[in-house]
PDB file of N, CA and C in Angstrom:
ATOM      1  N   UNK A   1     -10.029  30.190 213.675  1.00  0.00           N
ATOM      2  CA  UNK A   1     -10.903  30.475 213.367  1.00  0.00           C
ATOM      3  C   UNK A   1     -11.908  28.811 212.729  1.00  0.00           C
ATOM      4  N   UNK A   2     -12.863  28.728 212.617  1.00  0.00           N
ATOM      5  CA  UNK A   2     -13.801  27.575 212.586  1.00  0.00           C
ATOM      6  C   UNK A   2     -13.877  27.396 211.013  1.00  0.00           C
ATOM      7  N   UNK A   3     -13.494  26.126 210.666  1.00  0.00           N
ATOM      8  CA  UNK A   3     -13.175  26.137 209.038  1.00  0.00           C
ATOM      9  C   UNK A   3     -14.988  25.769 208.552  1.00  0.00           C
ATOM     10  N   UNK A   4     -15.986  25.458 209.532  1.00  0.00           N
ATOM     11  CA  UNK A   4     -17.138  25.064 209.024  1.00  0.00           C
ATOM     12  C   UNK A   4     -17.785  26.710 208.403  1.00  0.00           C
ATOM     13  N   UNK A   5     -17.255  27.555 209.740  1.00  0.00           N
ATOM     14  CA  UNK A   5     -18.020  29.208 209.345  1.00  0.00           C
ATOM     15  C   UNK A   5     -17.078  29.500 207.797  1.00  0.00           C
ATOM     16  N   UNK A   6     -15.848  29.329 207.429  1.00  0.00           N
ATOM     17  CA  UNK A   6     -15.287  29.429 206.171  1.00  0.00           C
ATOM     18  C   UNK A   6     -16.079  28.993 205.315  1.00  0.00           C
ATOM     19  N   UNK A   7     -16.429  27.397 205.456  1.00  0.00           N
ATOM     20  CA  UNK A   7     -16.904  26.973 204.508  1.00  0.00           C
ATOM     21  C   UNK A   7     -18.455  27.584 204.128  1.00  0.00           C
ATOM     22  N   UNK A   8     -18.938  28.259 205.411  1.00  0.00           N
ATOM     23  CA  UNK A   8     -20.292  28.901 205.399  1.00  0.00           C
ATOM     24  C   UNK A   8     -20.367  30.151 204.551  1.00  0.00           C
ATOM     25  N   UNK A   9     -19.076  31.065 204.646  1.00  0.00           N
ATOM     26  CA  UNK A   9     -18.854  31.715 204.000  1.00  0.00           C
ATOM     27  C   UNK A   9     -18.854  31.727 202.819  1.00  0.00           C
ATOM     28  N   UNK A  10     -18.214  30.879 202.349  1.00  0.00           N
ATOM     29  CA  UNK A  10     -17.560  30.708 200.944  1.00  0.00           C
ATOM     30  C   UNK A  10     -19.070  30.000 200.120  1.00  0.00           C
ATOM     31  N   UNK A  11     -19.948  29.206 200.938  1.00  0.00           N
ATOM     32  CA  UNK A  11     -21.295  29.017 200.139  1.00  0.00           C
ATOM     33  C   UNK A  11     -22.219  30.034 200.414  1.00  0.00           C
ATOM     34  N   UNK A  12     -22.036  31.145 200.993  1.00  0.00           N
ATOM     35  CA  UNK A  12     -23.120  32.250 201.141  1.00  0.00           C
ATOM     36  C   UNK A  12     -22.358  33.110 199.798  1.00  0.00           C
ATOM     37  N   UNK A  13     -21.481  33.284 199.906  1.00  0.00           N
ATOM     38  CA  UNK A  13     -21.147  34.006 198.098  1.00  0.00           C
ATOM     39  C   UNK A  13     -21.236  33.223 197.088  1.00  0.00           C
ATOM     40  N   UNK A  14     -21.068  31.883 197.046  1.00  0.00           N
ATOM     41  CA  UNK A  14     -21.767  31.327 195.855  1.00  0.00           C
ATOM     42  C   UNK A  14     -23.020  31.319 195.829  1.00  0.00           C
ATOM     43  N   UNK A  15     -23.701  31.384 196.718  1.00  0.00           N
ATOM     44  CA  UNK A  15     -25.115  31.481 197.087  1.00  0.00           C
ATOM     45  C   UNK A  15     -25.897  32.758 196.421  1.00  0.00           C
ATOM     46  N   UNK A  16     -24.813  34.089 196.748  1.00  0.00           N
ATOM     47  CA  UNK A  16     -25.422  35.208 196.155  1.00  0.00           C
ATOM     48  C   UNK A  16     -24.974  35.321 194.601  1.00  0.00           C
ATOM     49  N   UNK A  17     -24.063  34.877 194.506  1.00  0.00           N
ATOM     50  CA  UNK A  17     -23.679  34.845 192.969  1.00  0.00           C
ATOM     51  C   UNK A  17     -24.714  34.048 192.472  1.00  0.00           C
ATOM     52  N   UNK A  18     -25.415  32.899 192.710  1.00  0.00           N
ATOM     53  CA  UNK A  18     -26.241  32.512 191.875  1.00  0.00           C
ATOM     54  C   UNK A  18     -27.590  32.870 191.780  1.00  0.00           C
ATOM     55  N   UNK A  19     -27.956  33.534 193.281  1.00  0.00           N
ATOM     56  CA  UNK A  19     -29.137  33.809 193.130  1.00  0.00           C
ATOM     57  C   UNK A  19     -29.110  35.612 192.205  1.00  0.00           C
ATOM     58  N   UNK A  20     -28.207  36.382 192.351  1.00  0.00           N
ATOM     59  CA  UNK A  20     -28.145  37.492 191.319  1.00  0.00           C
ATOM     60  C   UNK A  20     -28.070  36.940 189.772  1.00  0.00           C
ATOM     61  N   UNK A  21     -27.833  35.726 188.974  1.00  0.00           N
ATOM     62  CA  UNK A  21     -28.042  35.475 187.947  1.00  0.00           C
ATOM     63  C   UNK A  21     -29.232  34.704 187.741  1.00  0.00           C
ATOM     64  N   UNK A  22     -30.017  34.016 188.918  1.00  0.00           N
ATOM     65  CA  UNK A  22     -31.632  33.564 188.983  1.00  0.00           C
ATOM     66  C   UNK A  22     -32.573  34.807 188.969  1.00  0.00           C
ATOM     67  N   UNK A  23     -32.094  36.321 189.608  1.00  0.00           N
ATOM     68  CA  UNK A  23     -32.714  37.061 189.450  1.00  0.00           C
ATOM     69  C   UNK A  23     -32.840  38.020 188.698  1.00  0.00           C
ATOM     70  N   UNK A  24     -31.872  37.863 187.618  1.00  0.00           N
ATOM     71  CA  UNK A  24     -31.898  38.419 186.478  1.00  0.00           C
ATOM     72  C   UNK A  24     -33.030  37.544 185.522  1.00  0.00           C
ATOM     73  N   UNK A  25     -32.677  36.381 185.364  1.00  0.00           N
ATOM     74  CA  UNK A  25     -33.647  35.610 184.777  1.00  0.00           C
ATOM     75  C   UNK A  25     -35.161  35.663 185.175  1.00  0.00           C
ATOM     76  N   UNK A  26     -35.256  35.622 186.318  1.00  0.00           N
ATOM     77  CA  UNK A  26     -37.031  35.603 186.769  1.00  0.00           C
ATOM     78  C   UNK A  26     -37.538  37.431 187.176  1.00  0.00           C
ATOM     79  N   UNK A  27     -36.301  37.934 186.725  1.00  0.00           N
ATOM     80  CA  UNK A  27     -36.793  39.747 187.320  1.00  0.00           C
ATOM     81  C   UNK A  27     -37.152  39.767 188.643  1.00  0.00           C
ATOM     82  N   UNK A  28     -36.894  39.591 189.796  1.00  0.00           N
ATOM     83  CA  UNK A  28     -36.995  39.342 191.045  1.00  0.00           C
ATOM     84  C   UNK A  28     -36.998  41.049 191.500  1.00  0.00           C
ATOM     85  N   UNK A  29     -38.122  41.498 192.267  1.00  0.00           N
ATOM     86  CA  UNK A  29     -37.276  42.842 192.942  1.00  0.00           C
ATOM     87  C   UNK A  29     -36.593  42.911 194.210  1.00  0.00           C
ATOM     88  N   UNK A  30     -35.888  44.326 194.671  1.00  0.00           N
ATOM     89  CA  UNK A  30     -35.323  44.339 195.550  1.00  0.00           C
ATOM     90  C   UNK A  30     -35.958  43.447 196.944  1.00  0.00           C
ATOM     91  N   UNK A  31     -37.371  43.315 196.972  1.00  0.00           N
ATOM     92  CA  UNK A  31     -37.602  42.798 198.294  1.00  0.00           C
ATOM     93  C   UNK A  31     -38.142  41.329 198.166  1.00  0.00           C
ATOM     94  N   UNK A  32     -37.997  40.898 196.893  1.00  0.00           N
ATOM     95  CA  UNK A  32     -38.026  39.302 196.725  1.00  0.00           C
ATOM     96  C   UNK A  32     -36.451  38.711 196.969  1.00  0.00           C
ATOM     97  N   UNK A  33     -35.267  39.687 196.485  1.00  0.00           N
ATOM     98  CA  UNK A  33     -34.080  39.620 196.344  1.00  0.00           C
ATOM     99  C   UNK A  33     -33.939  39.242 198.058  1.00  0.00           C
ATOM    100  N   UNK A  34     -33.968  40.659 198.717  1.00  0.00           N
ATOM    101  CA  UNK A  34     -33.823  40.660 200.188  1.00  0.00           C
ATOM    102  C   UNK A  34     -34.511  39.380 200.801  1.00  0.00           C
ATOM    103  N   UNK A  35     -35.329  38.900 200.710  1.00  0.00           N
ATOM    104  CA  UNK A  35     -36.547  38.307 201.051  1.00  0.00           C
ATOM    105  C   UNK A  35     -35.785  36.569 201.116  1.00  0.00           C
ATOM    106  N   UNK A  36     -35.042  36.341 199.892  1.00  0.00           N
ATOM    107  CA  UNK A  36     -34.543  35.052 199.954  1.00  0.00           C
ATOM    108  C   UNK A  36     -33.080  34.924 200.615  1.00  0.00           C
ATOM    109  N   UNK A  37     -32.370  36.446 200.595  1.00  0.00           N
ATOM    110  CA  UNK A  37     -31.080  36.544 201.371  1.00  0.00           C
ATOM    111  C   UNK A  37     -31.313  35.990 202.737  1.00  0.00           C
ATOM    112  N   UNK A  38     -32.430  36.837 203.637  1.00  0.00           N
ATOM    113  CA  UNK A  38     -32.924  36.767 204.602  1.00  0.00           C
ATOM    114  C   UNK A  38     -32.998  35.143 205.109  1.00  0.00           C
ATOM    115  N   UNK A  39     -33.995  34.372 204.516  1.00  0.00           N
ATOM    116  CA  UNK A  39     -34.469  33.000 204.682  1.00  0.00           C
ATOM    117  C   UNK A  39     -32.936  32.052 204.572  1.00  0.00           C
ATOM    118  N   UNK A  40     -31.764  32.535 203.587  1.00  0.00           N
ATOM    119  CA  UNK A  40     -30.683  31.875 203.335  1.00  0.00           C
ATOM    120  C   UNK A  40     -30.034  31.899 204.640  1.00  0.00           C
ATOM    121  N   UNK A  41     -29.937  33.376 205.119  1.00  0.00           N
ATOM    122  CA  UNK A  41     -29.048  33.376 206.066  1.00  0.00           C
ATOM    123  C   UNK A  41     -29.693  32.864 207.483  1.00  0.00           C
ATOM    124  N   UNK A  42     -30.848  32.763 207.855  1.00  0.00           N
ATOM    125  CA  UNK A  42     -31.142  32.263 208.673  1.00  0.00           C
ATOM    126  C   UNK A  42     -31.278  30.787 208.865  1.00  0.00           C
ATOM    127  N   UNK A  43     -31.225  29.872 207.306  1.00  0.00           N
ATOM    128  CA  UNK A  43     -31.240  28.902 207.193  1.00  0.00           C
ATOM    129  C   UNK A  43     -29.414  28.297 207.746  1.00  0.00           C
ATOM    130  N   UNK A  44     -28.501  29.113 207.086  1.00  0.00           N
ATOM    131  CA  UNK A  44     -27.361  28.794 207.204  1.00  0.00           C
ATOM    132  C   UNK A  44     -26.822  28.420 208.984  1.00  0.00           C
ATOM    133  N   UNK A  45     -27.562  29.859 209.480  1.00  0.00           N
ATOM    134  CA  UNK A  45     -27.041  29.932 210.870  1.00  0.00           C
ATOM    135  C   UNK A  45     -27.698  28.717 211.047  1.00  0.00           C
ATOM    136  N   UNK A  46     -28.845  28.265 211.274  1.00  0.00           N
ATOM    137  CA  UNK A  46     -29.753  27.374 212.119  1.00  0.00           C
ATOM    138  C   UNK A  46     -28.863  25.987 211.704  1.00  0.00           C
ATOM    139  N   UNK A  47     -28.416  25.462 210.685  1.00  0.00           N
ATOM    140  CA  UNK A  47     -27.465  24.686 210.135  1.00  0.00           C
ATOM    141  C   UNK A  47     -26.079  24.560 211.135  1.00  0.00           C
ATOM    142  N   UNK A  48     -25.673  25.797 211.411  1.00  0.00           N
ATOM    143  CA  UNK A  48     -24.472  25.709 211.548  1.00  0.00           C
ATOM    144  C   UNK A  48     -24.592  25.973 213.093  1.00  0.00           C
ATOM    145  N   UNK A  49     -25.417  26.314 213.679  1.00  0.00           N
ATOM    146  CA  UNK A  49     -25.858  26.076 215.142  1.00  0.00           C
ATOM    147  C   UNK A  49     -26.423  24.584 215.590  1.00  0.00           C
ATOM    148  N   UNK A  50     -26.683  23.990 214.835  1.00  0.00           N
ATOM    149  CA  UNK A  50     -26.788  22.401 214.914  1.00  0.00           C
ATOM    150  C   UNK A  50     -25.642  21.822 214.913  1.00  0.00           C
ATOM    151  N   UNK A  51     -24.519  22.137 213.977  1.00  0.00           N
ATOM    152  CA  UNK A  51     -23.428  21.744 213.683  1.00  0.00           C
ATOM    153  C   UNK A  51     -22.549  21.933 214.865  1.00  0.00           C
ATOM    154  N   UNK A  52     -22.442  22.726 215.578  1.00  0.00           N
ATOM    155  CA  UNK A  52     -21.313  22.949 216.555  1.00  0.00           C
ATOM    156  C   UNK A  52     -22.021  22.773 218.069  1.00  0.00           C
ATOM    157  N   UNK A  53     -23.070  22.171 217.975  1.00  0.00           N
ATOM    158  CA  UNK A  53     -23.690  21.607 219.457  1.00  0.00           C
ATOM    159  C   UNK A  53     -23.238  20.637 219.602  1.00  0.00           C
TER     160      UNK A  53
END
């Protein structure tokens, strides 16, 4: 398995944990939470795709 991919998964879990704490602070709805996660996933895949090439 690619070490970059493992790091990406770790960062995703860390981001999700942080986002959960921020969401409680800002009282984001489910749609806001889902939107932020989708943007994060797309950004991470784009960064990983650039790294692989």
